Amino acid sequence: MEIGKPFTADALEHSTVAASVSELQFTTPEEFMLGMNANDLTQAVRRIVTRPMKIKIIAGQGAAPAAPANVQKAPENETSARALANPEVQKFQEVFGGQIRTVRNLKE
């Protein structure tokens, strides 16, 4: 919303985001695919993340109806705790109102 993209923001709210080191994958319900614009998402991500990220948008189930905001369970392990402490992750959660459900340790 801050960058003037209300349709993309609405579609993002109904999407599920999976992040890796260099890619963000957005799974969006078919009815919101029109609002998902890779250029708009790239512009928003550039404001949050300091390194370049590849954006991938796929049609799928997307996010479930919104749960109570800011309900975050305690980190399960040291990798999750470190990821949740990352300033870029915190900024992403603040801007997009997201929730991190799983964290993969890519070193394993």
Protein backbone atom coordinates (compact mmCIF):
# COMPACT_ATOMS: atom_id res chain seq x y z
CA MET A 1 0.00 0.00 0.00
CA GLU A 2 2.90 2.36 0.80
CA ILE A 3 4.11 2.28 -2.80
CA GLY A 4 0.65 2.84 -4.27
CA LYS A 5 -0.13 -0.72 -5.41
CA PRO A 6 -3.46 -1.59 -3.74
CA PHE A 7 -4.34 -4.48 -6.09
CA THR A 8 -0.96 -6.12 -5.55
CA ALA A 9 -1.26 -5.57 -1.79
CA ASP A 10 -4.69 -7.23 -1.76
CA ALA A 11 -3.46 -10.19 -3.82
CA LEU A 12 -0.42 -10.51 -1.56
CA GLU A 13 -2.65 -10.63 1.50
CA HIS A 14 -4.33 -13.75 0.07
CA SER A 15 -1.03 -15.39 -0.93
CA THR A 16 1.47 -17.65 0.76
CA VAL A 17 5.15 -16.65 0.62
CA ALA A 18 8.07 -19.06 0.68
CA ALA A 19 11.55 -17.57 0.91
CA SER A 20 14.94 -18.99 0.09
CA VAL A 21 18.32 -17.28 -0.01
CA SER A 22 17.76 -15.63 -3.39
CA GLU A 23 14.09 -16.21 -4.26
CA LEU A 24 10.63 -15.33 -3.00
CA GLN A 25 7.87 -17.64 -4.20
CA PHE A 26 4.31 -16.34 -3.96
CA THR A 27 1.49 -18.91 -4.18
CA THR A 28 -1.69 -17.03 -5.03
CA PRO A 29 -5.29 -18.19 -5.56
CA GLU A 30 -6.39 -18.00 -9.19
CA GLU A 31 -8.87 -15.17 -8.52
CA PHE A 32 -6.04 -12.91 -7.31
CA MET A 33 -3.48 -13.70 -10.03
CA LEU A 34 -4.41 -10.58 -12.01
CA GLY A 35 -3.28 -8.39 -9.11
CA MET A 36 0.07 -10.15 -8.71
CA ASN A 37 2.55 -8.17 -10.76
CA ALA A 38 6.19 -9.27 -10.54
CA ASN A 39 7.44 -5.73 -11.20
CA ASP A 40 5.33 -4.31 -8.36
CA LEU A 41 6.52 -7.05 -5.99
CA THR A 42 10.13 -6.46 -7.00
CA GLN A 43 9.71 -2.75 -6.27
CA ALA A 44 8.29 -3.51 -2.80
CA VAL A 45 10.95 -6.11 -2.00
CA ARG A 46 13.75 -3.68 -3.00
CA ARG A 47 12.50 -1.30 -0.29
CA ILE A 48 12.82 -4.03 2.34
CA VAL A 49 15.65 -6.35 1.33
CA THR A 50 19.10 -5.04 0.54
CA ARG A 51 20.08 -7.84 -1.85
CA PRO A 52 18.40 -8.73 -5.17
CA MET A 53 15.70 -11.38 -4.93
CA LYS A 54 14.12 -13.41 -7.73
CA ILE A 55 10.31 -13.23 -7.68
CA LYS A 56 8.27 -16.29 -8.65
CA ILE A 57 4.46 -16.21 -8.75
CA ILE A 58 2.46 -19.42 -9.07
CA ALA A 59 -1.28 -20.11 -9.00
CA GLY A 60 -2.35 -22.30 -6.13
CA GLN A 61 -4.23 -22.44 -2.87
CA GLY A 62 -2.72 -19.31 -1.32
CA ALA A 63 -3.17 -18.24 2.27
CA ALA A 64 -6.01 -19.27 4.52
CA PRO A 65 -8.32 -16.56 5.85
CA ALA A 66 -6.45 -14.16 8.08
CA ALA A 67 -5.78 -15.34 11.61
CA PRO A 68 -5.36 -12.94 14.52
CA ALA A 69 -2.50 -10.56 13.74
CA ASN A 70 0.93 -10.87 15.34
CA VAL A 71 0.34 -14.32 16.82
CA GLN A 72 3.81 -15.81 16.57
CA LYS A 73 4.85 -19.00 18.30
CA ALA A 74 8.26 -19.32 19.89
CA PRO A 75 11.13 -20.33 17.59
CA GLU A 76 11.53 -24.10 17.40
CA ASN A 77 15.31 -24.15 17.10
CA GLU A 78 18.41 -21.99 16.84
CA THR A 79 18.03 -21.60 13.05
CA SER A 80 14.46 -20.32 13.44
CA ALA A 81 15.47 -17.95 16.22
CA ARG A 82 18.30 -16.54 14.09
CA ALA A 83 16.00 -16.09 11.09
CA LEU A 84 13.34 -14.32 13.15
CA ALA A 85 15.98 -11.99 14.59
CA ASN A 86 17.13 -10.92 11.11
CA PRO A 87 16.22 -7.22 10.50
CA GLU A 88 15.21 -7.93 6.87
CA VAL A 89 12.81 -10.67 7.99
CA GLN A 90 11.35 -8.39 10.66
CA LYS A 91 10.88 -5.57 8.14
CA PHE A 92 9.24 -7.97 5.67
CA GLN A 93 6.82 -9.13 8.39
CA GLU A 94 6.07 -5.54 9.37
CA VAL A 95 5.36 -4.37 5.81
CA PHE A 96 3.44 -7.43 4.61
CA GLY A 97 1.96 -8.52 7.93
CA GLY A 98 3.21 -12.04 7.35
CA GLN A 99 3.89 -14.97 9.59
CA ILE A 100 6.83 -17.36 9.36
CA ARG A 101 5.71 -20.94 9.71
CA THR A 102 8.85 -22.92 8.92
CA VAL A 103 12.53 -22.15 8.51
CA ARG A 104 14.82 -24.48 6.60
CA ASN A 105 18.50 -24.71 7.42
CA LEU A 106 20.12 -24.62 3.97
CA LYS A 107 23.46 -25.73 5.41
CA GLU A 108 22.04 -29.20 6.08
